[in-house]
Amino acid sequence: MSSSVSPEDPLGSNIESAIVAVSPLLDLVLAVGERISRIAEPVDYEYYPVHDEDEDIPEG
């Protein structure tokens, strides 16, 4: 993975290092939240699938 921060920017480098270090924890938080959501409400009644605009055009 190439870094987009220039080597002369120590603050940017520190921030990038912090994000890389914390990212596994954030992934875990998202996974736990998704699991809790699925346990609390297994069926999402507010979910409406996306319709393709091409399907809405009547033929004929």
N, C-alpha and C. Protein backbone atom coordinates (compact mmCIF):
# COMPACT_ATOMS: atom_id res chain seq x y z
N MET A 1 0.85 -1.17 0.00
CA MET A 1 0.00 0.00 0.00
C MET A 1 0.89 1.22 0.00
N SER A 2 0.71 2.09 -0.95
CA SER A 2 1.54 3.29 -1.01
C SER A 2 0.91 4.38 -0.18
N SER A 3 1.75 5.19 0.41
CA SER A 3 1.28 6.27 1.27
C SER A 3 1.04 7.52 0.43
N SER A 4 -0.08 8.21 0.72
CA SER A 4 -0.39 9.44 0.01
C SER A 4 0.14 10.65 0.77
N VAL A 5 0.75 10.42 1.93
CA VAL A 5 1.28 11.51 2.74
C VAL A 5 2.74 11.70 2.40
N SER A 6 3.15 12.95 2.22
CA SER A 6 4.55 13.21 1.89
C SER A 6 5.42 12.96 3.11
N PRO A 7 6.67 12.56 2.93
CA PRO A 7 7.55 12.26 4.06
C PRO A 7 7.86 13.49 4.91
N GLU A 8 7.66 14.69 4.37
CA GLU A 8 7.95 15.91 5.11
C GLU A 8 6.81 16.29 6.05
N ASP A 9 5.70 15.56 6.05
CA ASP A 9 4.53 15.90 6.85
C ASP A 9 4.42 14.91 8.02
N PRO A 10 5.05 15.21 9.16
CA PRO A 10 5.01 14.27 10.28
C PRO A 10 3.62 14.14 10.90
N LEU A 11 2.82 15.21 10.90
CA LEU A 11 1.47 15.13 11.46
C LEU A 11 0.60 14.20 10.62
N GLY A 12 0.68 14.33 9.30
CA GLY A 12 -0.08 13.45 8.41
C GLY A 12 0.35 12.00 8.56
N SER A 13 1.62 11.79 8.75
CA SER A 13 2.14 10.44 8.94
C SER A 13 1.63 9.85 10.26
N ASN A 14 1.59 10.68 11.29
CA ASN A 14 1.09 10.21 12.59
C ASN A 14 -0.40 9.87 12.51
N ILE A 15 -1.15 10.70 11.83
CA ILE A 15 -2.59 10.46 11.68
C ILE A 15 -2.84 9.18 10.89
N GLU A 16 -2.09 9.01 9.82
CA GLU A 16 -2.24 7.79 9.01
C GLU A 16 -1.88 6.55 9.82
N SER A 17 -0.83 6.63 10.61
CA SER A 17 -0.43 5.50 11.46
C SER A 17 -1.51 5.19 12.49
N ALA A 18 -2.13 6.22 13.05
CA ALA A 18 -3.19 6.01 14.03
C ALA A 18 -4.40 5.34 13.39
N ILE A 19 -4.76 5.75 12.19
CA ILE A 19 -5.90 5.15 11.49
C ILE A 19 -5.62 3.69 11.17
N VAL A 20 -4.41 3.40 10.73
CA VAL A 20 -4.04 2.02 10.42
C VAL A 20 -4.07 1.17 11.69
N ALA A 21 -3.63 1.73 12.82
CA ALA A 21 -3.60 0.99 14.07
C ALA A 21 -5.01 0.73 14.62
N VAL A 22 -5.92 1.65 14.42
CA VAL A 22 -7.26 1.55 15.00
C VAL A 22 -8.24 0.83 14.07
N SER A 23 -7.91 0.67 12.81
CA SER A 23 -8.86 0.10 11.86
C SER A 23 -9.36 -1.31 12.23
N PRO A 24 -8.55 -2.21 12.77
CA PRO A 24 -9.11 -3.51 13.17
C PRO A 24 -10.17 -3.38 14.27
N LEU A 25 -9.96 -2.45 15.21
CA LEU A 25 -10.94 -2.22 16.26
C LEU A 25 -12.25 -1.68 15.67
N LEU A 26 -12.14 -0.77 14.72
CA LEU A 26 -13.34 -0.22 14.09
C LEU A 26 -14.08 -1.30 13.29
N ASP A 27 -13.34 -2.18 12.63
CA ASP A 27 -13.97 -3.30 11.92
C ASP A 27 -14.73 -4.19 12.89
N LEU A 28 -14.15 -4.44 14.06
CA LEU A 28 -14.80 -5.26 15.08
C LEU A 28 -16.07 -4.59 15.59
N VAL A 29 -16.02 -3.28 15.82
CA VAL A 29 -17.20 -2.55 16.28
C VAL A 29 -18.33 -2.65 15.25
N LEU A 30 -18.00 -2.49 13.96
CA LEU A 30 -19.02 -2.61 12.92
C LEU A 30 -19.59 -4.02 12.85
N ALA A 31 -18.75 -5.03 12.98
CA ALA A 31 -19.22 -6.41 12.91
C ALA A 31 -20.14 -6.73 14.10
N VAL A 32 -19.76 -6.27 15.28
CA VAL A 32 -20.60 -6.51 16.46
C VAL A 32 -21.93 -5.78 16.32
N GLY A 33 -21.89 -4.53 15.83
CA GLY A 33 -23.13 -3.78 15.64
C GLY A 33 -24.05 -4.44 14.64
N GLU A 34 -23.49 -4.97 13.56
CA GLU A 34 -24.31 -5.66 12.56
C GLU A 34 -24.92 -6.92 13.16
N ARG A 35 -24.15 -7.65 13.95
CA ARG A 35 -24.65 -8.88 14.57
C ARG A 35 -25.79 -8.56 15.54
N ILE A 36 -25.61 -7.52 16.35
CA ILE A 36 -26.66 -7.11 17.30
C ILE A 36 -27.92 -6.69 16.55
N SER A 37 -27.73 -5.96 15.46
CA SER A 37 -28.87 -5.52 14.66
C SER A 37 -29.64 -6.70 14.10
N ARG A 38 -28.95 -7.72 13.63
CA ARG A 38 -29.62 -8.89 13.06
C ARG A 38 -30.32 -9.71 14.14
N ILE A 39 -29.76 -9.73 15.36
CA ILE A 39 -30.40 -10.46 16.45
C ILE A 39 -31.63 -9.70 16.93
N ALA A 40 -31.53 -8.39 17.04
CA ALA A 40 -32.62 -7.57 17.55
C ALA A 40 -33.81 -7.54 16.58
N GLU A 41 -33.54 -7.47 15.30
CA GLU A 41 -34.61 -7.42 14.31
C GLU A 41 -34.19 -8.25 13.10
N PRO A 42 -34.46 -9.57 13.13
CA PRO A 42 -33.99 -10.44 12.05
C PRO A 42 -34.56 -10.09 10.68
N VAL A 43 -35.77 -9.56 10.63
CA VAL A 43 -36.38 -9.20 9.37
C VAL A 43 -36.52 -7.68 9.33
N ASP A 44 -35.95 -7.07 8.33
CA ASP A 44 -36.01 -5.62 8.19
C ASP A 44 -37.23 -5.27 7.36
N TYR A 45 -38.29 -4.83 8.02
CA TYR A 45 -39.53 -4.53 7.33
C TYR A 45 -39.45 -3.21 6.57
N GLU A 46 -38.47 -2.38 6.84
CA GLU A 46 -38.31 -1.11 6.15
C GLU A 46 -37.41 -1.21 4.93
N TYR A 47 -36.93 -2.41 4.61
CA TYR A 47 -36.04 -2.60 3.47
C TYR A 47 -36.85 -2.68 2.18
N TYR A 48 -36.51 -1.84 1.24
CA TYR A 48 -37.12 -1.87 -0.08
C TYR A 48 -36.01 -2.06 -1.10
N PRO A 49 -36.04 -3.14 -1.87
CA PRO A 49 -34.97 -3.37 -2.85
C PRO A 49 -34.95 -2.28 -3.92
N VAL A 50 -33.78 -2.02 -4.41
CA VAL A 50 -33.60 -1.01 -5.44
C VAL A 50 -34.12 -1.56 -6.76
N HIS A 51 -34.89 -0.74 -7.46
CA HIS A 51 -35.41 -1.14 -8.77
C HIS A 51 -34.56 -0.50 -9.85
N ASP A 52 -34.30 -1.26 -10.88
CA ASP A 52 -33.57 -0.77 -12.02
C ASP A 52 -34.47 0.19 -12.80
N GLU A 53 -33.94 1.31 -13.26
CA GLU A 53 -34.75 2.25 -14.04
C GLU A 53 -35.21 1.62 -15.35
N ASP A 54 -34.42 0.69 -15.90
CA ASP A 54 -34.79 0.04 -17.15
C ASP A 54 -36.05 -0.81 -16.99
N GLU A 55 -36.29 -1.35 -15.80
CA GLU A 55 -37.44 -2.20 -15.58
C GLU A 55 -38.74 -1.39 -15.52
N ASP A 56 -38.67 -0.11 -15.22
CA ASP A 56 -39.86 0.73 -15.07
C ASP A 56 -40.44 1.18 -16.41
N ILE A 57 -39.71 1.00 -17.50
CA ILE A 57 -40.18 1.45 -18.81
C ILE A 57 -41.16 0.42 -19.36
N PRO A 58 -42.41 0.81 -19.55
CA PRO A 58 -43.38 -0.16 -20.11
C PRO A 58 -43.13 -0.37 -21.61
N GLU A 59 -43.26 -1.61 -22.03
CA GLU A 59 -43.06 -1.92 -23.43
C GLU A 59 -44.42 -1.93 -24.15
N GLY A 60 -44.48 -1.31 -25.29
CA GLY A 60 -45.69 -1.40 -26.09
C GLY A 60 -46.36 -0.14 -26.18
